[in-house]
């Protein structure tokens, strides 16, 4: 696995990272999203402190991740119910 050394700038600080090459683009994209969120919070919510902006970013990203996780679980459960129903129908028609 190829590892690359990259730097990500978040809230005026540079973070050097060693990342798998396959994850580099994702990390850069997430870094830009965080920077954009910080700017948005600073402009729209009168946030002056970078720590507060980062905390708000963490809350927003955590909430988004939790919503996705809950929706994923619901989709998995729904899919399992449908597959079980289809299996029952196939069993009934195969007899």
N, C-alpha and C. Protein backbone atom coordinates (compact mmCIF):
# COMPACT_ATOMS: atom_id res chain seq x y z
N UNK A 1 0.85 -1.17 0.00
CA UNK A 1 0.00 0.00 0.00
C UNK A 1 0.90 1.24 0.00
N UNK A 2 0.67 2.09 -0.98
CA UNK A 2 1.44 3.32 -1.09
C UNK A 2 0.94 4.35 -0.07
N UNK A 3 1.87 4.94 0.66
CA UNK A 3 1.53 5.97 1.64
C UNK A 3 2.12 7.29 1.17
N UNK A 4 1.33 8.33 1.29
CA UNK A 4 1.79 9.67 0.89
C UNK A 4 1.81 10.60 2.08
N UNK A 5 2.71 11.54 2.05
CA UNK A 5 2.79 12.57 3.07
C UNK A 5 2.13 13.82 2.50
N UNK A 6 1.06 14.26 3.15
CA UNK A 6 0.34 15.45 2.69
C UNK A 6 0.20 16.41 3.87
N UNK A 7 -0.17 17.63 3.54
CA UNK A 7 -0.49 18.60 4.59
C UNK A 7 -1.90 19.13 4.34
N UNK A 8 -2.64 19.24 5.41
CA UNK A 8 -4.00 19.77 5.37
C UNK A 8 -4.02 21.01 6.25
N UNK A 9 -4.57 22.11 5.73
CA UNK A 9 -4.66 23.35 6.47
C UNK A 9 -6.10 23.50 6.97
N UNK A 10 -6.25 23.55 8.29
CA UNK A 10 -7.57 23.72 8.90
C UNK A 10 -7.46 24.80 9.96
N UNK A 11 -8.29 25.81 9.83
CA UNK A 11 -8.36 26.90 10.81
C UNK A 11 -7.01 27.56 11.05
N UNK A 12 -6.25 27.74 9.96
CA UNK A 12 -4.98 28.42 10.07
C UNK A 12 -3.83 27.57 10.59
N UNK A 13 -4.06 26.30 10.79
CA UNK A 13 -3.00 25.40 11.23
C UNK A 13 -2.75 24.35 10.17
N UNK A 14 -1.50 23.97 10.05
CA UNK A 14 -1.11 22.97 9.07
C UNK A 14 -0.93 21.64 9.79
N UNK A 15 -1.57 20.62 9.22
CA UNK A 15 -1.49 19.28 9.80
C UNK A 15 -0.83 18.34 8.79
N UNK A 16 0.41 17.90 9.09
CA UNK A 16 1.06 16.93 8.21
C UNK A 16 0.49 15.53 8.50
N UNK A 17 0.19 14.82 7.45
CA UNK A 17 -0.40 13.49 7.60
C UNK A 17 0.28 12.50 6.67
N UNK A 18 0.41 11.27 7.13
CA UNK A 18 0.81 10.16 6.27
C UNK A 18 -0.46 9.37 6.00
N UNK A 19 -0.86 9.31 4.73
CA UNK A 19 -2.14 8.70 4.39
C UNK A 19 -1.97 7.71 3.24
N UNK A 20 -2.82 6.68 3.22
CA UNK A 20 -2.80 5.81 2.04
C UNK A 20 -3.15 6.63 0.80
N UNK A 21 -2.48 6.36 -0.29
CA UNK A 21 -2.69 7.13 -1.52
C UNK A 21 -4.17 7.14 -1.92
N UNK A 22 -4.86 6.04 -1.67
CA UNK A 22 -6.27 5.94 -2.06
C UNK A 22 -7.15 6.89 -1.25
N UNK A 23 -6.68 7.35 -0.10
CA UNK A 23 -7.47 8.24 0.75
C UNK A 23 -7.11 9.71 0.61
N UNK A 24 -6.06 10.01 -0.14
CA UNK A 24 -5.58 11.39 -0.24
C UNK A 24 -6.66 12.34 -0.73
N UNK A 25 -7.31 12.00 -1.82
CA UNK A 25 -8.32 12.89 -2.39
C UNK A 25 -9.47 13.13 -1.40
N UNK A 26 -9.89 12.08 -0.72
CA UNK A 26 -10.97 12.21 0.26
C UNK A 26 -10.57 13.13 1.40
N UNK A 27 -9.37 12.98 1.92
CA UNK A 27 -8.90 13.84 3.02
C UNK A 27 -8.79 15.29 2.58
N UNK A 28 -8.31 15.52 1.39
CA UNK A 28 -8.23 16.90 0.90
C UNK A 28 -9.62 17.50 0.75
N UNK A 29 -10.55 16.71 0.23
CA UNK A 29 -11.92 17.18 0.06
C UNK A 29 -12.56 17.50 1.41
N UNK A 30 -12.37 16.64 2.38
CA UNK A 30 -12.93 16.88 3.72
C UNK A 30 -12.28 18.10 4.35
N UNK A 31 -10.98 18.27 4.17
CA UNK A 31 -10.30 19.46 4.69
C UNK A 31 -10.89 20.74 4.12
N UNK A 32 -11.18 20.74 2.82
CA UNK A 32 -11.80 21.91 2.19
C UNK A 32 -13.22 22.13 2.72
N UNK A 33 -13.96 21.04 2.92
CA UNK A 33 -15.31 21.17 3.47
C UNK A 33 -15.27 21.79 4.86
N UNK A 34 -14.32 21.36 5.67
CA UNK A 34 -14.20 21.92 7.02
C UNK A 34 -13.85 23.40 6.95
N UNK A 35 -12.93 23.76 6.08
CA UNK A 35 -12.56 25.17 5.91
C UNK A 35 -13.78 26.00 5.48
N UNK A 36 -14.56 25.47 4.54
CA UNK A 36 -15.76 26.17 4.09
C UNK A 36 -16.79 26.29 5.20
N UNK A 37 -16.93 25.24 6.01
CA UNK A 37 -17.86 25.29 7.13
C UNK A 37 -17.42 26.35 8.15
N UNK A 38 -16.13 26.42 8.41
CA UNK A 38 -15.61 27.42 9.35
C UNK A 38 -15.94 28.82 8.84
N UNK A 39 -15.67 29.07 7.56
CA UNK A 39 -15.99 30.38 6.98
C UNK A 39 -17.48 30.68 7.08
N UNK A 40 -18.30 29.68 6.81
CA UNK A 40 -19.75 29.85 6.90
C UNK A 40 -20.18 30.20 8.32
N UNK A 41 -19.66 29.48 9.30
CA UNK A 41 -20.00 29.77 10.69
C UNK A 41 -19.52 31.15 11.11
N UNK A 42 -18.33 31.53 10.66
CA UNK A 42 -17.79 32.85 11.00
C UNK A 42 -18.64 33.97 10.39
N UNK A 43 -19.10 33.78 9.18
CA UNK A 43 -19.87 34.82 8.49
C UNK A 43 -21.32 34.87 8.94
N UNK A 44 -21.94 33.72 9.12
CA UNK A 44 -23.38 33.68 9.36
C UNK A 44 -23.79 33.61 10.83
N UNK A 45 -22.87 33.24 11.69
CA UNK A 45 -23.21 33.09 13.09
C UNK A 45 -22.34 33.93 14.01
N UNK A 46 -21.63 34.87 13.43
CA UNK A 46 -20.79 35.78 14.20
C UNK A 46 -19.83 35.03 15.13
N UNK A 47 -19.27 33.96 14.62
CA UNK A 47 -18.28 33.19 15.38
C UNK A 47 -16.92 33.80 15.12
N UNK A 48 -16.25 34.20 16.15
CA UNK A 48 -14.94 34.84 16.00
C UNK A 48 -13.79 33.91 16.40
N UNK A 49 -14.07 32.98 17.27
CA UNK A 49 -13.05 32.09 17.80
C UNK A 49 -12.98 30.81 16.96
N UNK A 50 -11.81 30.46 16.48
CA UNK A 50 -11.64 29.27 15.65
C UNK A 50 -12.04 28.01 16.41
N UNK A 51 -11.77 27.98 17.72
CA UNK A 51 -12.15 26.82 18.53
C UNK A 51 -13.67 26.62 18.50
N UNK A 52 -14.43 27.71 18.61
CA UNK A 52 -15.89 27.61 18.55
C UNK A 52 -16.35 27.14 17.17
N UNK A 53 -15.72 27.66 16.13
CA UNK A 53 -16.07 27.26 14.77
C UNK A 53 -15.77 25.78 14.56
N UNK A 54 -14.63 25.32 15.07
CA UNK A 54 -14.28 23.90 14.95
C UNK A 54 -15.25 23.02 15.73
N UNK A 55 -15.66 23.48 16.91
CA UNK A 55 -16.63 22.71 17.70
C UNK A 55 -17.96 22.61 16.94
N UNK A 56 -18.37 23.71 16.32
CA UNK A 56 -19.62 23.69 15.55
C UNK A 56 -19.49 22.77 14.33
N UNK A 57 -18.33 22.76 13.70
CA UNK A 57 -18.09 21.84 12.59
C UNK A 57 -18.18 20.39 13.07
N UNK A 58 -17.57 20.11 14.21
CA UNK A 58 -17.61 18.75 14.75
C UNK A 58 -19.04 18.32 15.03
N UNK A 59 -19.84 19.21 15.59
CA UNK A 59 -21.24 18.89 15.85
C UNK A 59 -22.01 18.63 14.56
N UNK A 60 -21.79 19.49 13.57
CA UNK A 60 -22.51 19.33 12.30
C UNK A 60 -22.09 18.04 11.60
N UNK A 61 -20.79 17.78 11.54
CA UNK A 61 -20.31 16.56 10.87
C UNK A 61 -20.74 15.32 11.64
N UNK A 62 -20.70 15.37 12.96
CA UNK A 62 -21.15 14.24 13.77
C UNK A 62 -22.62 13.97 13.58
N UNK A 63 -23.41 15.03 13.53
CA UNK A 63 -24.86 14.89 13.30
C UNK A 63 -25.12 14.29 11.93
N UNK A 64 -24.42 14.79 10.92
CA UNK A 64 -24.58 14.25 9.56
C UNK A 64 -24.23 12.76 9.53
N UNK A 65 -23.14 12.38 10.18
CA UNK A 65 -22.73 10.98 10.21
C UNK A 65 -23.76 10.11 10.92
N UNK A 66 -24.32 10.60 12.01
CA UNK A 66 -25.33 9.84 12.76
C UNK A 66 -26.60 9.67 11.94
N UNK A 67 -27.03 10.72 11.26
CA UNK A 67 -28.22 10.64 10.40
C UNK A 67 -27.99 9.61 9.29
N UNK A 68 -26.82 9.64 8.67
CA UNK A 68 -26.50 8.67 7.62
C UNK A 68 -26.50 7.25 8.18
N UNK A 69 -25.95 7.08 9.36
CA UNK A 69 -25.91 5.76 9.98
C UNK A 69 -27.30 5.23 10.28
N UNK A 70 -28.16 6.08 10.82
CA UNK A 70 -29.54 5.67 11.12
C UNK A 70 -30.27 5.32 9.83
N UNK A 71 -30.12 6.16 8.80
CA UNK A 71 -30.78 5.88 7.52
C UNK A 71 -30.26 4.59 6.90
N UNK A 72 -28.96 4.35 7.03
CA UNK A 72 -28.36 3.12 6.51
C UNK A 72 -28.97 1.90 7.20
N UNK A 73 -29.08 1.96 8.52
CA UNK A 73 -29.67 0.86 9.28
C UNK A 73 -31.12 0.63 8.87
N UNK A 74 -31.88 1.71 8.69
CA UNK A 74 -33.27 1.57 8.26
C UNK A 74 -33.34 0.91 6.89
N UNK A 75 -32.46 1.32 5.98
CA UNK A 75 -32.44 0.73 4.64
C UNK A 75 -32.08 -0.75 4.68
N UNK A 76 -31.10 -1.09 5.52
CA UNK A 76 -30.70 -2.50 5.66
C UNK A 76 -31.87 -3.31 6.18
N UNK A 77 -32.52 -2.80 7.23
CA UNK A 77 -33.66 -3.53 7.81
C UNK A 77 -34.79 -3.68 6.80
N UNK A 78 -35.08 -2.62 6.09
CA UNK A 78 -36.14 -2.66 5.08
C UNK A 78 -35.80 -3.66 3.98
N UNK A 79 -34.56 -3.66 3.56
CA UNK A 79 -34.11 -4.59 2.52
C UNK A 79 -34.21 -6.03 3.01
N UNK A 80 -33.83 -6.28 4.26
CA UNK A 80 -33.93 -7.63 4.81
C UNK A 80 -35.38 -8.10 4.86
N UNK A 81 -36.29 -7.23 5.25
CA UNK A 81 -37.71 -7.58 5.30
C UNK A 81 -38.21 -7.95 3.90
N UNK A 82 -37.84 -7.14 2.91
CA UNK A 82 -38.26 -7.42 1.53
C UNK A 82 -37.68 -8.73 1.01
N UNK A 83 -36.39 -8.98 1.33
CA UNK A 83 -35.76 -10.22 0.88
C UNK A 83 -36.41 -11.43 1.54
N UNK A 84 -36.73 -11.33 2.81
CA UNK A 84 -37.41 -12.43 3.49
C UNK A 84 -38.78 -12.68 2.87
N UNK A 85 -39.49 -11.61 2.53
CA UNK A 85 -40.79 -11.74 1.89
C UNK A 85 -40.66 -12.41 0.53
N UNK A 86 -39.66 -12.00 -0.24
CA UNK A 86 -39.43 -12.60 -1.55
C UNK A 86 -39.07 -14.08 -1.41
N UNK A 87 -38.25 -14.40 -0.42
CA UNK A 87 -37.87 -15.80 -0.20
C UNK A 87 -39.09 -16.65 0.14
N UNK A 88 -40.00 -16.11 0.96
CA UNK A 88 -41.23 -16.83 1.29
C UNK A 88 -42.06 -17.07 0.04
N UNK A 89 -42.18 -16.03 -0.78
CA UNK A 89 -42.94 -16.18 -2.03
C UNK A 89 -42.31 -17.22 -2.95
N UNK A 90 -40.99 -17.19 -3.05
CA UNK A 90 -40.29 -18.18 -3.88
C UNK A 90 -40.47 -19.58 -3.33
N UNK A 91 -40.41 -19.72 -2.00
CA UNK A 91 -40.63 -21.03 -1.39
C UNK A 91 -42.04 -21.54 -1.68
N UNK A 92 -43.02 -20.65 -1.58
CA UNK A 92 -44.41 -21.04 -1.81
C UNK A 92 -44.67 -21.42 -3.25
N UNK A 93 -44.06 -20.71 -4.19
CA UNK A 93 -44.29 -21.01 -5.61
C UNK A 93 -43.47 -22.22 -6.06
N UNK A 94 -42.43 -22.53 -5.33
CA UNK A 94 -41.58 -23.68 -5.69
C UNK A 94 -42.13 -24.99 -5.19
N UNK A 95 -43.16 -24.96 -4.36
CA UNK A 95 -43.69 -26.21 -3.81
C UNK A 95 -44.66 -26.86 -4.73
